[in-house]
Amino acid sequence: KLIKLKQTLSRIKQLKSKIVFLQQTHLTDCELKSVRNRWPGQVIHASYNNYARGVIILVHRSIPFQLTKIIKDPA
């Protein structure tokens, strides 16, 4: 799973993407830390558990972005 994550992040960087939305990520805390270490910018994530509903938004540091509000799903 970690190898697939590294490949995905490498491809995103090759494409020079600035804002990326990933769904069905299902990341553990260790894997999320790896994403934060590898992505040059902000990493916003939400997960229900390690098996369902995982999403990540990656915002490159060249994009002026400030998170102003978080609304959590009560489910």
PDB file of N, CA and C in Angstrom:
ATOM      1  N   LYS A   1       0.835  -1.199   0.000  1.00  0.00           N
ATOM      2  CA  LYS A   1       0.000   0.000   0.000  1.00  0.00           C
ATOM      3  C   LYS A   1       0.872   1.252   0.000  1.00  0.00           C
ATOM      4  N   LEU A   2       1.972   1.233   0.740  1.00  0.00           N
ATOM      5  CA  LEU A   2       2.862   2.392   0.800  1.00  0.00           C
ATOM      6  C   LEU A   2       3.545   2.630  -0.545  1.00  0.00           C
ATOM      7  N   ILE A   3       3.865   1.558  -1.263  1.00  0.00           N
ATOM      8  CA  ILE A   3       4.489   1.695  -2.584  1.00  0.00           C
ATOM      9  C   ILE A   3       3.522   2.376  -3.549  1.00  0.00           C
ATOM     10  N   LYS A   4       2.258   1.968  -3.527  1.00  0.00           N
ATOM     11  CA  LYS A   4       1.245   2.581  -4.395  1.00  0.00           C
ATOM     12  C   LYS A   4       1.087   4.062  -4.063  1.00  0.00           C
ATOM     13  N   LEU A   5       1.136   4.390  -2.779  1.00  0.00           N
ATOM     14  CA  LEU A   5       1.039   5.780  -2.341  1.00  0.00           C
ATOM     15  C   LEU A   5       2.211   6.600  -2.879  1.00  0.00           C
ATOM     16  N   LYS A   6       3.417   6.068  -2.785  1.00  0.00           N
ATOM     17  CA  LYS A   6       4.607   6.762  -3.299  1.00  0.00           C
ATOM     18  C   LYS A   6       4.504   6.968  -4.807  1.00  0.00           C
ATOM     19  N   GLN A   7       4.029   5.942  -5.519  1.00  0.00           N
ATOM     20  CA  GLN A   7       3.870   6.050  -6.970  1.00  0.00           C
ATOM     21  C   GLN A   7       2.838   7.116  -7.332  1.00  0.00           C
ATOM     22  N   THR A   8       1.759   7.155  -6.587  1.00  0.00           N
ATOM     23  CA  THR A   8       0.711   8.145  -6.840  1.00  0.00           C
ATOM     24  C   THR A   8       1.238   9.556  -6.624  1.00  0.00           C
ATOM     25  N   LEU A   9       1.946   9.778  -5.518  1.00  0.00           N
ATOM     26  CA  LEU A   9       2.496  11.111  -5.242  1.00  0.00           C
ATOM     27  C   LEU A   9       3.540  11.507  -6.281  1.00  0.00           C
ATOM     28  N   SER A  10       4.355  10.552  -6.718  1.00  0.00           N
ATOM     29  CA  SER A  10       5.346  10.843  -7.762  1.00  0.00           C
ATOM     30  C   SER A  10       4.657  11.270  -9.054  1.00  0.00           C
ATOM     31  N   ARG A  11       3.594  10.578  -9.413  1.00  0.00           N
ATOM     32  CA  ARG A  11       2.856  10.917 -10.641  1.00  0.00           C
ATOM     33  C   ARG A  11       2.210  12.295 -10.530  1.00  0.00           C
ATOM     34  N   ILE A  12       1.658  12.595  -9.368  1.00  0.00           N
ATOM     35  CA  ILE A  12       1.046  13.909  -9.149  1.00  0.00           C
ATOM     36  C   ILE A  12       2.099  15.005  -9.307  1.00  0.00           C
ATOM     37  N   LYS A  13       3.287  14.778  -8.776  1.00  0.00           N
ATOM     38  CA  LYS A  13       4.366  15.767  -8.903  1.00  0.00           C
ATOM     39  C   LYS A  13       4.813  15.904 -10.356  1.00  0.00           C
ATOM     40  N   GLN A  14       4.884  14.785 -11.088  1.00  0.00           N
ATOM     41  CA  GLN A  14       5.251  14.824 -12.510  1.00  0.00           C
ATOM     42  C   GLN A  14       4.274  15.682 -13.303  1.00  0.00           C
ATOM     43  N   LEU A  15       3.013  15.573 -12.959  1.00  0.00           N
ATOM     44  CA  LEU A  15       1.974  16.339 -13.651  1.00  0.00           C
ATOM     45  C   LEU A  15       1.959  17.808 -13.244  1.00  0.00           C
ATOM     46  N   LYS A  16       2.752  18.141 -12.219  1.00  0.00           N
ATOM     47  CA  LYS A  16       2.838  19.506 -11.687  1.00  0.00           C
ATOM     48  C   LYS A  16       1.466  20.009 -11.233  1.00  0.00           C
ATOM     49  N   SER A  17       0.730  19.107 -10.627  1.00  0.00           N
ATOM     50  CA  SER A  17      -0.599  19.449 -10.112  1.00  0.00           C
ATOM     51  C   SER A  17      -0.471  20.381  -8.921  1.00  0.00           C
ATOM     52  N   LYS A  18      -1.374  21.314  -8.820  1.00  0.00           N
ATOM     53  CA  LYS A  18      -1.348  22.290  -7.728  1.00  0.00           C
ATOM     54  C   LYS A  18      -2.419  22.013  -6.680  1.00  0.00           C
ATOM     55  N   ILE A  19      -3.565  21.499  -7.108  1.00  0.00           N
ATOM     56  CA  ILE A  19      -4.631  21.110  -6.185  1.00  0.00           C
ATOM     57  C   ILE A  19      -5.105  19.726  -6.612  1.00  0.00           C
ATOM     58  N   VAL A  20      -5.104  18.800  -5.654  1.00  0.00           N
ATOM     59  CA  VAL A  20      -5.430  17.412  -5.959  1.00  0.00           C
ATOM     60  C   VAL A  20      -6.459  16.905  -4.955  1.00  0.00           C
ATOM     61  N   PHE A  21      -7.492  16.249  -5.456  1.00  0.00           N
ATOM     62  CA  PHE A  21      -8.507  15.625  -4.613  1.00  0.00           C
ATOM     63  C   PHE A  21      -8.395  14.112  -4.798  1.00  0.00           C
ATOM     64  N   LEU A  22      -8.143  13.392  -3.728  1.00  0.00           N
ATOM     65  CA  LEU A  22      -8.057  11.934  -3.777  1.00  0.00           C
ATOM     66  C   LEU A  22      -9.144  11.355  -2.881  1.00  0.00           C
ATOM     67  N   GLN A  23      -9.818  10.344  -3.373  1.00  0.00           N
ATOM     68  CA  GLN A  23     -10.827   9.699  -2.538  1.00  0.00           C
ATOM     69  C   GLN A  23     -10.504   8.222  -2.390  1.00  0.00           C
ATOM     70  N   GLN A  24     -11.162   7.595  -1.429  1.00  0.00           N
ATOM     71  CA  GLN A  24     -10.912   6.193  -1.093  1.00  0.00           C
ATOM     72  C   GLN A  24      -9.444   5.972  -0.724  1.00  0.00           C
ATOM     73  N   THR A  25      -8.903   6.856   0.105  1.00  0.00           N
ATOM     74  CA  THR A  25      -7.487   6.777   0.463  1.00  0.00           C
ATOM     75  C   THR A  25      -7.207   5.759   1.562  1.00  0.00           C
ATOM     76  N   HIS A  26      -8.061   5.635   2.560  1.00  0.00           N
ATOM     77  CA  HIS A  26      -7.917   4.617   3.614  1.00  0.00           C
ATOM     78  C   HIS A  26      -6.513   4.607   4.224  1.00  0.00           C
ATOM     79  N   LEU A  27      -5.991   5.740   4.618  1.00  0.00           N
ATOM     80  CA  LEU A  27      -4.617   5.821   5.114  1.00  0.00           C
ATOM     81  C   LEU A  27      -4.516   5.607   6.620  1.00  0.00           C
ATOM     82  N   THR A  28      -3.453   4.937   7.012  1.00  0.00           N
ATOM     83  CA  THR A  28      -3.124   4.831   8.427  1.00  0.00           C
ATOM     84  C   THR A  28      -2.419   6.123   8.834  1.00  0.00           C
ATOM     85  N   ASP A  29      -2.206   6.317  10.118  1.00  0.00           N
ATOM     86  CA  ASP A  29      -1.492   7.506  10.591  1.00  0.00           C
ATOM     87  C   ASP A  29      -0.080   7.563  10.016  1.00  0.00           C
ATOM     88  N   CYS A  30       0.573   6.421   9.921  1.00  0.00           N
ATOM     89  CA  CYS A  30       1.933   6.353   9.372  1.00  0.00           C
ATOM     90  C   CYS A  30       1.945   6.764   7.897  1.00  0.00           C
ATOM     91  N   GLU A  31       0.980   6.287   7.133  1.00  0.00           N
ATOM     92  CA  GLU A  31       0.899   6.628   5.714  1.00  0.00           C
ATOM     93  C   GLU A  31       0.560   8.103   5.524  1.00  0.00           C
ATOM     94  N   LEU A  32      -0.303   8.623   6.368  1.00  0.00           N
ATOM     95  CA  LEU A  32      -0.645  10.042   6.296  1.00  0.00           C
ATOM     96  C   LEU A  32       0.587  10.897   6.580  1.00  0.00           C
ATOM     97  N   LYS A  33       1.382  10.481   7.534  1.00  0.00           N
ATOM     98  CA  LYS A  33       2.628  11.195   7.840  1.00  0.00           C
ATOM     99  C   LYS A  33       3.558  11.183   6.629  1.00  0.00           C
ATOM    100  N   SER A  34       3.615  10.066   5.930  1.00  0.00           N
ATOM    101  CA  SER A  34       4.436   9.959   4.727  1.00  0.00           C
ATOM    102  C   SER A  34       3.966  10.941   3.655  1.00  0.00           C
ATOM    103  N   VAL A  35       2.650  11.068   3.485  1.00  0.00           N
ATOM    104  CA  VAL A  35       2.105  12.032   2.518  1.00  0.00           C
ATOM    105  C   VAL A  35       2.516  13.443   2.922  1.00  0.00           C
ATOM    106  N   ARG A  36       2.369  13.772   4.191  1.00  0.00           N
ATOM    107  CA  ARG A  36       2.731  15.114   4.671  1.00  0.00           C
ATOM    108  C   ARG A  36       4.213  15.411   4.439  1.00  0.00           C
ATOM    109  N   ASN A  37       5.063  14.400   4.597  1.00  0.00           N
ATOM    110  CA  ASN A  37       6.501  14.583   4.385  1.00  0.00           C
ATOM    111  C   ASN A  37       6.853  14.743   2.909  1.00  0.00           C
ATOM    112  N   ARG A  38       6.086  14.130   2.030  1.00  0.00           N
ATOM    113  CA  ARG A  38       6.405  14.130   0.598  1.00  0.00           C
ATOM    114  C   ARG A  38       5.723  15.244  -0.196  1.00  0.00           C
ATOM    115  N   TRP A  39       4.614  15.758   0.295  1.00  0.00           N
ATOM    116  CA  TRP A  39       3.877  16.772  -0.467  1.00  0.00           C
ATOM    117  C   TRP A  39       4.342  18.170  -0.079  1.00  0.00           C
ATOM    118  N   PRO A  40       4.726  18.989  -1.072  1.00  0.00           N
ATOM    119  CA  PRO A  40       5.196  20.355  -0.783  1.00  0.00           C
ATOM    120  C   PRO A  40       4.037  21.335  -0.623  1.00  0.00           C
ATOM    121  N   GLY A  41       3.328  21.223   0.456  1.00  0.00           N
ATOM    122  CA  GLY A  41       2.194  22.106   0.690  1.00  0.00           C
ATOM    123  C   GLY A  41       1.302  21.557   1.778  1.00  0.00           C
ATOM    124  N   GLN A  42       0.057  21.972   1.733  1.00  0.00           N
ATOM    125  CA  GLN A  42      -0.905  21.563   2.758  1.00  0.00           C
ATOM    126  C   GLN A  42      -1.572  20.239   2.395  1.00  0.00           C
ATOM    127  N   VAL A  43      -1.809  19.444   3.417  1.00  0.00           N
ATOM    128  CA  VAL A  43      -2.514  18.174   3.268  1.00  0.00           C
ATOM    129  C   VAL A  43      -3.726  18.228   4.188  1.00  0.00           C
ATOM    130  N   ILE A  44      -4.904  18.196   3.601  1.00  0.00           N
ATOM    131  CA  ILE A  44      -6.139  18.195   4.373  1.00  0.00           C
ATOM    132  C   ILE A  44      -6.754  16.813   4.192  1.00  0.00           C
ATOM    133  N   HIS A  45      -7.081  16.159   5.287  1.00  0.00           N
ATOM    134  CA  HIS A  45      -7.604  14.797   5.170  1.00  0.00           C
ATOM    135  C   HIS A  45      -8.803  14.582   6.079  1.00  0.00           C
ATOM    136  N   ALA A  46      -9.581  13.606   5.704  1.00  0.00           N
ATOM    137  CA  ALA A  46     -10.703  13.169   6.531  1.00  0.00           C
ATOM    138  C   ALA A  46     -10.847  11.671   6.332  1.00  0.00           C
ATOM    139  N   SER A  47     -11.100  10.975   7.424  1.00  0.00           N
ATOM    140  CA  SER A  47     -11.325   9.536   7.316  1.00  0.00           C
ATOM    141  C   SER A  47     -12.284   9.089   8.398  1.00  0.00           C
ATOM    142  N   TYR A  48     -13.084   8.130   8.046  1.00  0.00           N
ATOM    143  CA  TYR A  48     -14.016   7.552   9.014  1.00  0.00           C
ATOM    144  C   TYR A  48     -13.278   6.491   9.826  1.00  0.00           C
ATOM    145  N   ASN A  49     -12.598   5.598   9.117  1.00  0.00           N
ATOM    146  CA  ASN A  49     -11.684   4.636   9.717  1.00  0.00           C
ATOM    147  C   ASN A  49     -10.698   4.231   8.631  1.00  0.00           C
ATOM    148  N   ASN A  50      -9.848   3.274   8.894  1.00  0.00           N
ATOM    149  CA  ASN A  50      -8.839   2.885   7.906  1.00  0.00           C
ATOM    150  C   ASN A  50      -9.410   2.095   6.736  1.00  0.00           C
ATOM    151  N   TYR A  51     -10.707   1.803   6.763  1.00  0.00           N
ATOM    152  CA  TYR A  51     -11.286   0.960   5.727  1.00  0.00           C
ATOM    153  C   TYR A  51     -12.361   1.640   4.897  1.00  0.00           C
ATOM    154  N   ALA A  52     -12.756   2.862   5.253  1.00  0.00           N
ATOM    155  CA  ALA A  52     -13.860   3.487   4.522  1.00  0.00           C
ATOM    156  C   ALA A  52     -13.775   5.003   4.561  1.00  0.00           C
ATOM    157  N   ARG A  53     -14.298   5.606   3.507  1.00  0.00           N
ATOM    158  CA  ARG A  53     -14.551   7.047   3.426  1.00  0.00           C
ATOM    159  C   ARG A  53     -13.320   7.942   3.545  1.00  0.00           C
ATOM    160  N   GLY A  54     -12.174   7.517   3.145  1.00  0.00           N
ATOM    161  CA  GLY A  54     -10.992   8.358   3.250  1.00  0.00           C
ATOM    162  C   GLY A  54     -10.859   9.320   2.084  1.00  0.00           C
ATOM    163  N   VAL A  55     -10.593  10.586   2.376  1.00  0.00           N
ATOM    164  CA  VAL A  55     -10.341  11.591   1.339  1.00  0.00           C
ATOM    165  C   VAL A  55      -9.155  12.460   1.747  1.00  0.00           C
ATOM    166  N   ILE A  56      -8.460  12.957   0.741  1.00  0.00           N
ATOM    167  CA  ILE A  56      -7.339  13.872   0.971  1.00  0.00           C
ATOM    168  C   ILE A  56      -7.418  14.980  -0.067  1.00  0.00           C
ATOM    169  N   ILE A  57      -7.125  16.188   0.358  1.00  0.00           N
ATOM    170  CA  ILE A  57      -6.960  17.318  -0.552  1.00  0.00           C
ATOM    171  C   ILE A  57      -5.524  17.787  -0.387  1.00  0.00           C
ATOM    172  N   LEU A  58      -4.804  17.874  -1.495  1.00  0.00           N
ATOM    173  CA  LEU A  58      -3.428  18.357  -1.498  1.00  0.00           C
ATOM    174  C   LEU A  58      -3.408  19.731  -2.159  1.00  0.00           C
ATOM    175  N   VAL A  59      -2.856  20.713  -1.473  1.00  0.00           N
ATOM    176  CA  VAL A  59      -2.767  22.072  -2.011  1.00  0.00           C
ATOM    177  C   VAL A  59      -1.291  22.448  -2.040  1.00  0.00           C
ATOM    178  N   HIS A  60      -0.769  22.679  -3.237  1.00  0.00           N
ATOM    179  CA  HIS A  60       0.648  23.020  -3.394  1.00  0.00           C
ATOM    180  C   HIS A  60       0.958  24.347  -2.712  1.00  0.00           C
ATOM    181  N   ARG A  61       2.170  24.457  -2.204  1.00  0.00           N
ATOM    182  CA  ARG A  61       2.549  25.672  -1.463  1.00  0.00           C
ATOM    183  C   ARG A  61       2.539  26.933  -2.327  1.00  0.00           C
ATOM    184  N   SER A  62       2.553  26.785  -3.648  1.00  0.00           N
ATOM    185  CA  SER A  62       2.517  27.958  -4.525  1.00  0.00           C
ATOM    186  C   SER A  62       1.112  28.560  -4.632  1.00  0.00           C
ATOM    187  N   ILE A  63       0.119  27.871  -4.122  1.00  0.00           N
ATOM    188  CA  ILE A  63      -1.266  28.346  -4.148  1.00  0.00           C
ATOM    189  C   ILE A  63      -1.575  29.043  -2.829  1.00  0.00           C
ATOM    190  N   PRO A  64      -1.979  30.316  -2.874  1.00  0.00           N
ATOM    191  CA  PRO A  64      -2.337  30.995  -1.624  1.00  0.00           C
ATOM    192  C   PRO A  64      -3.662  30.434  -1.094  1.00  0.00           C
ATOM    193  N   PHE A  65      -3.558  29.656  -0.052  1.00  0.00           N
ATOM    194  CA  PHE A  65      -4.730  28.967   0.488  1.00  0.00           C
ATOM    195  C   PHE A  65      -4.710  29.036   2.004  1.00  0.00           C
ATOM    196  N   GLN A  66      -5.851  29.347   2.572  1.00  0.00           N
ATOM    197  CA  GLN A  66      -5.982  29.359   4.025  1.00  0.00           C
ATOM    198  C   GLN A  66      -7.287  28.663   4.387  1.00  0.00           C
ATOM    199  N   LEU A  67      -7.180  27.603   5.159  1.00  0.00           N
ATOM    200  CA  LEU A  67      -8.353  26.874   5.624  1.00  0.00           C
ATOM    201  C   LEU A  67      -9.045  27.710   6.684  1.00  0.00           C
ATOM    202  N   THR A  68     -10.306  28.043   6.454  1.00  0.00           N
ATOM    203  CA  THR A  68     -11.005  28.926   7.394  1.00  0.00           C
ATOM    204  C   THR A  68     -12.069  28.214   8.219  1.00  0.00           C
ATOM    205  N   LYS A  69     -12.554  27.072   7.725  1.00  0.00           N
ATOM    206  CA  LYS A  69     -13.619  26.400   8.463  1.00  0.00           C
ATOM    207  C   LYS A  69     -13.592  24.904   8.173  1.00  0.00           C
ATOM    208  N   ILE A  70     -13.833  24.119   9.199  1.00  0.00           N
ATOM    209  CA  ILE A  70     -13.934  22.671   9.056  1.00  0.00           C
ATOM    210  C   ILE A  70     -15.316  22.249   9.541  1.00  0.00           C
ATOM    211  N   ILE A  71     -16.015  21.508   8.701  1.00  0.00           N
ATOM    212  CA  ILE A  71     -17.319  20.968   9.080  1.00  0.00           C
ATOM    213  C   ILE A  71     -17.193  19.453   9.056  1.00  0.00           C
ATOM    214  N   LYS A  72     -17.376  18.828  10.203  1.00  0.00           N
ATOM    215  CA  LYS A  72     -17.229  17.380  10.298  1.00  0.00           C
ATOM    216  C   LYS A  72     -18.565  16.684  10.099  1.00  0.00           C
ATOM    217  N   ASP A  73     -18.510  15.577   9.386  1.00  0.00           N
ATOM    218  CA  ASP A  73     -19.681  14.730   9.183  1.00  0.00           C
ATOM    219  C   ASP A  73     -19.989  14.026  10.503  1.00  0.00           C
ATOM    220  N   PRO A  74     -21.208  14.141  11.010  1.00  0.00           N
ATOM    221  CA  PRO A  74     -21.523  13.525  12.302  1.00  0.00           C
ATOM    222  C   PRO A  74     -21.577  11.996  12.267  1.00  0.00           C
ATOM    223  N   ALA A  75     -21.551  11.400  11.080  1.00  0.00           N
ATOM    224  CA  ALA A  75     -21.661   9.932  10.970  1.00  0.00           C
ATOM    225  C   ALA A  75     -20.485   9.215  11.503  1.00  0.00           C
TER     226      ALA A  75
END
